[in-house]
Amino acid sequence: MLHGVIIKKIVNHPDDRGYFREILRDDDSLLDRFGQTSVTLTRPGVIKAFHWHKYQDDIWYIAQGRALVGLYDMRKDSLTFGKTQSILAEGDNPMLIKIPIGVAHGYKVLGDQPVLLFYHTTKSYNPKDPDEGRIDFDDPSISFHWNEYL
């Protein structure tokens, strides 16, 4: 596991009507501050990767579908600098993934269902000055294995 990455299992409370899940609570102590919550729907087979932030942490929650989450530690002062981590995230096994500042991240949608991804950040998005760097999903210096879990 990359230094500073936190995975929180989410408790499912099912009944005959469906289920209830508490996703992110203030007493989880996962966010230093709240900035924004957003949602994205991504179609099967699509890879959205890699991007990273200088000023914000992300917390990801896959509400529906199945994805391979790829992480790459770009923090030179980190114990896991230069290492990668893969996480299988899916709506049927709910979890939160905290992605710290300086960890590049992305995902590939697995299976034939779209992924519904909610993400919570410590800063609001500013289109005039976006806190976002990009790296190609197939950058050879990272050599992340996107075909894992197929």
C-alpha atoms as a PDB file:
ATOM      1  CA  MET A   1       0.000   0.000   0.000  1.00  0.00           C
ATOM      2  CA  LEU A   2       1.257   3.493  -0.826  1.00  0.00           C
ATOM      3  CA  HIS A   3       2.125   5.727   2.106  1.00  0.00           C
ATOM      4  CA  GLY A   4      -0.875   7.879   3.083  1.00  0.00           C
ATOM      5  CA  VAL A   5      -3.431   5.988   0.991  1.00  0.00           C
ATOM      6  CA  ILE A   6      -6.344   4.949   3.211  1.00  0.00           C
ATOM      7  CA  ILE A   7      -9.092   2.477   2.361  1.00  0.00           C
ATOM      8  CA  LYS A   8     -12.239   2.551   4.480  1.00  0.00           C
ATOM      9  CA  LYS A   9     -14.663  -0.349   4.133  1.00  0.00           C
ATOM     10  CA  ILE A  10     -18.261   0.834   4.045  1.00  0.00           C
ATOM     11  CA  VAL A  11     -20.974  -0.981   5.964  1.00  0.00           C
ATOM     12  CA  ASN A  12     -23.996  -2.017   3.950  1.00  0.00           C
ATOM     13  CA  HIS A  13     -27.370  -2.073   5.750  1.00  0.00           C
ATOM     14  CA  PRO A  14     -29.659  -4.112   3.438  1.00  0.00           C
ATOM     15  CA  ASP A  15     -33.332  -4.857   3.848  1.00  0.00           C
ATOM     16  CA  ASP A  16     -36.150  -5.984   1.557  1.00  0.00           C
ATOM     17  CA  ARG A  17     -36.396  -2.469   0.047  1.00  0.00           C
ATOM     18  CA  GLY A  18     -32.706  -2.163  -0.910  1.00  0.00           C
ATOM     19  CA  TYR A  19     -29.840  -0.873   1.227  1.00  0.00           C
ATOM     20  CA  PHE A  20     -28.506   2.118   3.173  1.00  0.00           C
ATOM     21  CA  ARG A  21     -24.812   3.154   3.284  1.00  0.00           C
ATOM     22  CA  GLU A  22     -23.049   5.902   5.194  1.00  0.00           C
ATOM     23  CA  ILE A  23     -20.284   7.010   2.829  1.00  0.00           C
ATOM     24  CA  LEU A  24     -18.249   9.805   4.430  1.00  0.00           C
ATOM     25  CA  ARG A  25     -18.674  11.107   7.961  1.00  0.00           C
ATOM     26  CA  ASP A  26     -17.071  14.063   9.729  1.00  0.00           C
ATOM     27  CA  ASP A  27     -15.807  11.727  12.452  1.00  0.00           C
ATOM     28  CA  ASP A  28     -13.941   9.573   9.872  1.00  0.00           C
ATOM     29  CA  SER A  29     -11.154  12.213   9.979  1.00  0.00           C
ATOM     30  CA  LEU A  30     -10.311  11.545   6.323  1.00  0.00           C
ATOM     31  CA  LEU A  31     -10.531  15.126   5.026  1.00  0.00           C
ATOM     32  CA  ASP A  32      -8.599  18.019   6.544  1.00  0.00           C
ATOM     33  CA  ARG A  33     -11.350  20.228   5.149  1.00  0.00           C
ATOM     34  CA  PHE A  34     -14.299  19.823   2.783  1.00  0.00           C
ATOM     35  CA  GLY A  35     -14.069  21.379  -0.667  1.00  0.00           C
ATOM     36  CA  GLN A  36     -16.445  19.712  -3.085  1.00  0.00           C
ATOM     37  CA  THR A  37     -18.291  16.497  -3.985  1.00  0.00           C
ATOM     38  CA  SER A  38     -18.631  15.514  -7.647  1.00  0.00           C
ATOM     39  CA  VAL A  39     -19.866  12.491  -9.572  1.00  0.00           C
ATOM     40  CA  THR A  40     -18.845  11.017 -12.917  1.00  0.00           C
ATOM     41  CA  LEU A  41     -20.239   8.189 -15.013  1.00  0.00           C
ATOM     42  CA  THR A  42     -17.700   6.304 -17.164  1.00  0.00           C
ATOM     43  CA  ARG A  43     -18.505   3.715 -19.805  1.00  0.00           C
ATOM     44  CA  PRO A  44     -17.117   0.153 -19.977  1.00  0.00           C
ATOM     45  CA  GLY A  45     -13.511  -0.248 -21.141  1.00  0.00           C
ATOM     46  CA  VAL A  46     -12.609   3.433 -20.672  1.00  0.00           C
ATOM     47  CA  ILE A  47      -9.370   4.367 -18.901  1.00  0.00           C
ATOM     48  CA  LYS A  48      -9.248   7.761 -17.182  1.00  0.00           C
ATOM     49  CA  ALA A  49      -5.652   8.154 -16.038  1.00  0.00           C
ATOM     50  CA  PHE A  50      -3.396   9.565 -14.759  1.00  0.00           C
ATOM     51  CA  HIS A  51      -3.842  12.913 -13.043  1.00  0.00           C
ATOM     52  CA  TRP A  52      -2.532  14.341  -9.776  1.00  0.00           C
ATOM     53  CA  HIS A  53      -2.910  17.350  -7.491  1.00  0.00           C
ATOM     54  CA  LYS A  54      -0.524  19.702  -5.670  1.00  0.00           C
ATOM     55  CA  TYR A  55      -3.043  21.113  -3.191  1.00  0.00           C
ATOM     56  CA  GLN A  56      -5.921  18.703  -2.653  1.00  0.00           C
ATOM     57  CA  ASP A  57      -6.632  15.222  -1.380  1.00  0.00           C
ATOM     58  CA  ASP A  58      -9.299  13.123  -3.102  1.00  0.00           C
ATOM     59  CA  ILE A  59     -11.613  10.521  -1.622  1.00  0.00           C
ATOM     60  CA  TRP A  60     -13.142   8.175  -4.174  1.00  0.00           C
ATOM     61  CA  TYR A  61     -16.286   6.069  -3.814  1.00  0.00           C
ATOM     62  CA  ILE A  62     -17.426   3.700  -6.581  1.00  0.00           C
ATOM     63  CA  ALA A  63     -21.201   3.525  -6.129  1.00  0.00           C
ATOM     64  CA  GLN A  64     -21.894   1.300  -9.129  1.00  0.00           C
ATOM     65  CA  GLY A  65     -19.884  -0.859 -11.482  1.00  0.00           C
ATOM     66  CA  ARG A  66     -16.367  -2.237 -11.203  1.00  0.00           C
ATOM     67  CA  ALA A  67     -13.031  -0.476 -11.723  1.00  0.00           C
ATOM     68  CA  LEU A  68      -9.328  -1.058 -11.445  1.00  0.00           C
ATOM     69  CA  VAL A  69      -7.942   1.983  -9.609  1.00  0.00           C
ATOM     70  CA  GLY A  70      -4.312   2.760 -10.366  1.00  0.00           C
ATOM     71  CA  LEU A  71      -2.119   4.845  -8.048  1.00  0.00           C
ATOM     72  CA  TYR A  72       1.447   6.080  -8.567  1.00  0.00           C
ATOM     73  CA  ASP A  73       3.410   7.818  -5.795  1.00  0.00           C
ATOM     74  CA  MET A  74       5.112  10.960  -7.161  1.00  0.00           C
ATOM     75  CA  ARG A  75       6.065  12.379  -3.739  1.00  0.00           C
ATOM     76  CA  LYS A  76       9.869  12.506  -3.531  1.00  0.00           C
ATOM     77  CA  ASP A  77       9.815  12.562   0.286  1.00  0.00           C
ATOM     78  CA  SER A  78       7.473   9.553   0.546  1.00  0.00           C
ATOM     79  CA  LEU A  79       8.457   6.115   1.831  1.00  0.00           C
ATOM     80  CA  THR A  80       6.788   4.662  -1.288  1.00  0.00           C
ATOM     81  CA  PHE A  81       8.098   7.159  -3.901  1.00  0.00           C
ATOM     82  CA  GLY A  82       8.002   5.686  -7.419  1.00  0.00           C
ATOM     83  CA  LYS A  83       5.812   2.723  -6.449  1.00  0.00           C
ATOM     84  CA  THR A  84       2.370   1.816  -7.792  1.00  0.00           C
ATOM     85  CA  GLN A  85      -0.710   0.353  -6.168  1.00  0.00           C
ATOM     86  CA  SER A  86      -3.781  -1.241  -7.723  1.00  0.00           C
ATOM     87  CA  ILE A  87      -7.161  -1.499  -6.031  1.00  0.00           C
ATOM     88  CA  LEU A  88     -10.201  -3.376  -7.255  1.00  0.00           C
ATOM     89  CA  ALA A  89     -13.148  -1.113  -6.418  1.00  0.00           C
ATOM     90  CA  GLU A  90     -16.756  -2.039  -7.034  1.00  0.00           C
ATOM     91  CA  GLY A  91     -20.230  -1.032  -5.976  1.00  0.00           C
ATOM     92  CA  ASP A  92     -20.913  -4.509  -4.551  1.00  0.00           C
ATOM     93  CA  ASN A  93     -17.919  -4.215  -2.168  1.00  0.00           C
ATOM     94  CA  PRO A  94     -18.216  -0.583  -1.049  1.00  0.00           C
ATOM     95  CA  MET A  95     -15.168   1.350   0.170  1.00  0.00           C
ATOM     96  CA  LEU A  96     -13.642   4.806   0.257  1.00  0.00           C
ATOM     97  CA  ILE A  97     -10.156   5.389  -1.129  1.00  0.00           C
ATOM     98  CA  LYS A  98      -8.247   8.400   0.190  1.00  0.00           C
ATOM     99  CA  ILE A  99      -5.721   9.598  -2.397  1.00  0.00           C
ATOM    100  CA  PRO A 100      -3.197  12.053  -0.918  1.00  0.00           C
ATOM    101  CA  ILE A 101      -1.678  15.096  -2.575  1.00  0.00           C
ATOM    102  CA  GLY A 102       1.071  14.030  -4.989  1.00  0.00           C
ATOM    103  CA  VAL A 103      -0.266  10.551  -5.742  1.00  0.00           C
ATOM    104  CA  ALA A 104      -1.225  10.206  -9.411  1.00  0.00           C
ATOM    105  CA  HIS A 105      -4.479   8.335  -9.855  1.00  0.00           C
ATOM    106  CA  GLY A 106      -6.838   6.954 -12.436  1.00  0.00           C
ATOM    107  CA  TYR A 107      -9.069   4.016 -13.215  1.00  0.00           C
ATOM    108  CA  LYS A 108     -10.217   1.578 -15.874  1.00  0.00           C
ATOM    109  CA  VAL A 109     -13.835   0.438 -16.058  1.00  0.00           C
ATOM    110  CA  LEU A 110     -14.032  -3.365 -15.917  1.00  0.00           C
ATOM    111  CA  GLY A 111     -16.925  -5.503 -17.129  1.00  0.00           C
ATOM    112  CA  ASP A 112     -19.928  -4.400 -19.164  1.00  0.00           C
ATOM    113  CA  GLN A 113     -21.499  -1.918 -16.721  1.00  0.00           C
ATOM    114  CA  PRO A 114     -20.601   1.777 -16.446  1.00  0.00           C
ATOM    115  CA  VAL A 115     -18.898   3.040 -13.295  1.00  0.00           C
ATOM    116  CA  LEU A 116     -20.532   5.694 -11.145  1.00  0.00           C
ATOM    117  CA  LEU A 117     -17.729   7.385  -9.185  1.00  0.00           C
ATOM    118  CA  PHE A 118     -18.290   9.999  -6.480  1.00  0.00           C
ATOM    119  CA  TYR A 119     -15.278  11.972  -5.366  1.00  0.00           C
ATOM    120  CA  HIS A 120     -14.865  14.309  -2.447  1.00  0.00           C
ATOM    121  CA  THR A 121     -12.009  16.811  -2.424  1.00  0.00           C
ATOM    122  CA  THR A 122     -10.420  19.165   0.076  1.00  0.00           C
ATOM    123  CA  LYS A 123     -10.593  22.080  -2.401  1.00  0.00           C
ATOM    124  CA  SER A 124     -13.256  23.265  -4.849  1.00  0.00           C
ATOM    125  CA  TYR A 125     -12.383  23.049  -8.545  1.00  0.00           C
ATOM    126  CA  ASN A 126     -11.205  26.328 -10.056  1.00  0.00           C
ATOM    127  CA  PRO A 127     -11.399  26.234 -13.887  1.00  0.00           C
ATOM    128  CA  LYS A 128      -9.172  29.353 -14.139  1.00  0.00           C
ATOM    129  CA  ASP A 129      -6.408  27.669 -12.116  1.00  0.00           C
ATOM    130  CA  PRO A 130      -7.024  23.910 -12.044  1.00  0.00           C
ATOM    131  CA  ASP A 131      -4.987  21.909  -9.543  1.00  0.00           C
ATOM    132  CA  GLU A 132      -4.370  19.085 -11.944  1.00  0.00           C
ATOM    133  CA  GLY A 133      -1.310  17.620 -13.613  1.00  0.00           C
ATOM    134  CA  ARG A 134      -1.597  14.880 -16.226  1.00  0.00           C
ATOM    135  CA  ILE A 135       0.418  11.799 -17.142  1.00  0.00           C
ATOM    136  CA  ASP A 136      -0.467   9.403 -19.980  1.00  0.00           C
ATOM    137  CA  PHE A 137      -2.195   6.226 -18.829  1.00  0.00           C
ATOM    138  CA  ASP A 138       0.467   4.160 -20.595  1.00  0.00           C
ATOM    139  CA  ASP A 139       3.534   6.192 -19.561  1.00  0.00           C
ATOM    140  CA  PRO A 140       6.452   3.715 -19.657  1.00  0.00           C
ATOM    141  CA  SER A 141       8.111   5.261 -16.589  1.00  0.00           C
ATOM    142  CA  ILE A 142       5.107   4.152 -14.513  1.00  0.00           C
ATOM    143  CA  SER A 143       4.373   0.914 -16.409  1.00  0.00           C
ATOM    144  CA  PHE A 144       1.062   0.352 -14.636  1.00  0.00           C
ATOM    145  CA  HIS A 145      -0.638  -2.957 -15.544  1.00  0.00           C
ATOM    146  CA  TRP A 146      -4.159  -1.974 -16.649  1.00  0.00           C
ATOM    147  CA  ASN A 147      -5.057  -5.549 -17.677  1.00  0.00           C
ATOM    148  CA  GLU A 148      -4.935  -6.803 -14.097  1.00  0.00           C
ATOM    149  CA  TYR A 149      -8.251  -8.334 -12.853  1.00  0.00           C
ATOM    150  CA  LEU A 150      -9.556  -9.145 -16.355  1.00  0.00           C
END
